[in-house]
Amino acid sequence: MEIRILDASLERFIESLEKPMIAKVLRTIDLLEKFGPKLEPPHTKKISTHLFELRISGKQEIRIFYSFHKSQILLLHGFVKKSQKIP
């Protein structure tokens, strides 16, 4: 499946992370691209019918929301998780 970043702010967010976290994020995105909807926890979590969360753990807990559209995976928004609540 093809990965598509819908907003440049997500690219800036990823680039703002520390190098080891950038590597983990890119590795997890590669897994998502390779396995698509077959990727399972702990790497992903279903939030609602069409919204999913990519989960990257390390020094920081990174979350990236994504959705599927035809043969594409749309990366929507990323953030550093600081609590149990989804922003």
C-alpha atoms as a PDB file:
ATOM      1  CA  MET A   1       0.000   0.000   0.000  1.00  0.00           C
ATOM      2  CA  GLU A   2       1.092   3.556  -0.656  1.00  0.00           C
ATOM      3  CA  ILE A   3       1.715   5.903   2.293  1.00  0.00           C
ATOM      4  CA  ARG A   4       0.539   9.484   1.847  1.00  0.00           C
ATOM      5  CA  ILE A   5       1.088  12.326   4.333  1.00  0.00           C
ATOM      6  CA  LEU A   6      -1.835  14.722   4.055  1.00  0.00           C
ATOM      7  CA  ASP A   7      -0.420  17.691   5.945  1.00  0.00           C
ATOM      8  CA  ALA A   8       3.094  19.145   5.967  1.00  0.00           C
ATOM      9  CA  SER A   9       2.729  19.739   9.717  1.00  0.00           C
ATOM     10  CA  LEU A  10       3.028  15.967  10.235  1.00  0.00           C
ATOM     11  CA  GLU A  11       6.340  15.942   8.344  1.00  0.00           C
ATOM     12  CA  ARG A  12       7.566  18.849  10.483  1.00  0.00           C
ATOM     13  CA  PHE A  13       6.436  17.022  13.633  1.00  0.00           C
ATOM     14  CA  ILE A  14       8.397  13.887  12.697  1.00  0.00           C
ATOM     15  CA  GLU A  15      11.482  15.940  11.764  1.00  0.00           C
ATOM     16  CA  SER A  16      11.322  17.724  15.156  1.00  0.00           C
ATOM     17  CA  LEU A  17      11.792  14.475  17.086  1.00  0.00           C
ATOM     18  CA  GLU A  18      15.134  13.186  18.348  1.00  0.00           C
ATOM     19  CA  LYS A  19      17.015  11.042  15.816  1.00  0.00           C
ATOM     20  CA  PRO A  20      16.387   7.687  17.566  1.00  0.00           C
ATOM     21  CA  MET A  21      12.634   8.444  17.668  1.00  0.00           C
ATOM     22  CA  ILE A  22      12.626   9.500  14.002  1.00  0.00           C
ATOM     23  CA  ALA A  23      14.155   6.112  13.155  1.00  0.00           C
ATOM     24  CA  LYS A  24      11.475   4.292  15.191  1.00  0.00           C
ATOM     25  CA  VAL A  25       8.683   6.322  13.572  1.00  0.00           C
ATOM     26  CA  LEU A  26       9.981   5.605  10.062  1.00  0.00           C
ATOM     27  CA  ARG A  27      10.439   1.912  10.868  1.00  0.00           C
ATOM     28  CA  THR A  28       6.852   1.677  12.152  1.00  0.00           C
ATOM     29  CA  ILE A  29       5.528   3.533   9.085  1.00  0.00           C
ATOM     30  CA  ASP A  30       7.431   1.000   6.943  1.00  0.00           C
ATOM     31  CA  LEU A  31       5.674  -1.823   8.813  1.00  0.00           C
ATOM     32  CA  LEU A  32       2.328  -0.134   8.166  1.00  0.00           C
ATOM     33  CA  GLU A  33       3.163   0.195   4.469  1.00  0.00           C
ATOM     34  CA  LYS A  34       4.201  -3.467   4.279  1.00  0.00           C
ATOM     35  CA  PHE A  35       1.329  -5.032   6.261  1.00  0.00           C
ATOM     36  CA  GLY A  36      -1.441  -2.440   5.781  1.00  0.00           C
ATOM     37  CA  PRO A  37      -4.666  -3.355   7.590  1.00  0.00           C
ATOM     38  CA  LYS A  38      -3.082  -6.610   8.797  1.00  0.00           C
ATOM     39  CA  LEU A  39      -0.714  -4.740  11.139  1.00  0.00           C
ATOM     40  CA  GLU A  40      -1.755  -5.543  14.704  1.00  0.00           C
ATOM     41  CA  PRO A  41      -1.105  -4.302  18.248  1.00  0.00           C
ATOM     42  CA  PRO A  42       1.177  -3.166  19.742  1.00  0.00           C
ATOM     43  CA  HIS A  43       1.915  -1.160  16.578  1.00  0.00           C
ATOM     44  CA  THR A  44      -1.630  -0.039  15.876  1.00  0.00           C
ATOM     45  CA  LYS A  45      -4.994   0.491  17.531  1.00  0.00           C
ATOM     46  CA  LYS A  46      -8.437   1.052  16.042  1.00  0.00           C
ATOM     47  CA  ILE A  47      -9.941   4.334  17.282  1.00  0.00           C
ATOM     48  CA  SER A  48     -13.205   4.287  15.308  1.00  0.00           C
ATOM     49  CA  THR A  49     -14.617   2.720  12.154  1.00  0.00           C
ATOM     50  CA  HIS A  50     -12.222   4.487   9.772  1.00  0.00           C
ATOM     51  CA  LEU A  51      -9.633   5.978  12.130  1.00  0.00           C
ATOM     52  CA  PHE A  52      -6.565   4.170  13.445  1.00  0.00           C
ATOM     53  CA  GLU A  53      -3.623   5.064  15.662  1.00  0.00           C
ATOM     54  CA  LEU A  54      -0.023   4.147  14.883  1.00  0.00           C
ATOM     55  CA  ARG A  55       1.759   3.615  18.204  1.00  0.00           C
ATOM     56  CA  ILE A  56       5.494   4.192  18.581  1.00  0.00           C
ATOM     57  CA  SER A  57       7.058   3.601  21.997  1.00  0.00           C
ATOM     58  CA  GLY A  58      10.455   4.664  23.214  1.00  0.00           C
ATOM     59  CA  LYS A  59      11.770   7.590  25.213  1.00  0.00           C
ATOM     60  CA  GLN A  60       8.526   9.278  24.165  1.00  0.00           C
ATOM     61  CA  GLU A  61       5.154   7.797  23.265  1.00  0.00           C
ATOM     62  CA  ILE A  62       4.372   8.926  19.705  1.00  0.00           C
ATOM     63  CA  ARG A  63       0.954   8.539  18.116  1.00  0.00           C
ATOM     64  CA  ILE A  64       0.047   9.086  14.463  1.00  0.00           C
ATOM     65  CA  PHE A  65      -3.569   8.954  13.317  1.00  0.00           C
ATOM     66  CA  TYR A  66      -4.190   7.329   9.954  1.00  0.00           C
ATOM     67  CA  SER A  67      -6.954   6.030   7.733  1.00  0.00           C
ATOM     68  CA  PHE A  68      -7.271   3.830   4.659  1.00  0.00           C
ATOM     69  CA  HIS A  69      -8.566   5.168   1.341  1.00  0.00           C
ATOM     70  CA  LYS A  70      -8.618   2.820  -1.652  1.00  0.00           C
ATOM     71  CA  SER A  71      -5.031   1.551  -1.960  1.00  0.00           C
ATOM     72  CA  GLN A  72      -3.566   4.365   0.147  1.00  0.00           C
ATOM     73  CA  ILE A  73      -2.768   4.822   3.810  1.00  0.00           C
ATOM     74  CA  LEU A  74      -3.396   8.444   4.741  1.00  0.00           C
ATOM     75  CA  LEU A  75      -1.275   9.738   7.627  1.00  0.00           C
ATOM     76  CA  LEU A  76      -3.308  12.487   9.256  1.00  0.00           C
ATOM     77  CA  HIS A  77      -1.847  13.850  12.487  1.00  0.00           C
ATOM     78  CA  GLY A  78       0.955  13.108  14.945  1.00  0.00           C
ATOM     79  CA  PHE A  79       1.581  14.003  18.571  1.00  0.00           C
ATOM     80  CA  VAL A  80       3.573  13.082  21.666  1.00  0.00           C
ATOM     81  CA  LYS A  81       1.308  11.261  24.089  1.00  0.00           C
ATOM     82  CA  LYS A  82       1.354  12.827  27.544  1.00  0.00           C
ATOM     83  CA  SER A  83      -1.759  11.310  29.139  1.00  0.00           C
ATOM     84  CA  GLN A  84      -4.384   8.615  28.625  1.00  0.00           C
ATOM     85  CA  LYS A  85      -6.675  11.040  26.764  1.00  0.00           C
ATOM     86  CA  ILE A  86      -6.701  11.302  22.968  1.00  0.00           C
ATOM     87  CA  PRO A  87      -6.472  14.985  21.942  1.00  0.00           C
END
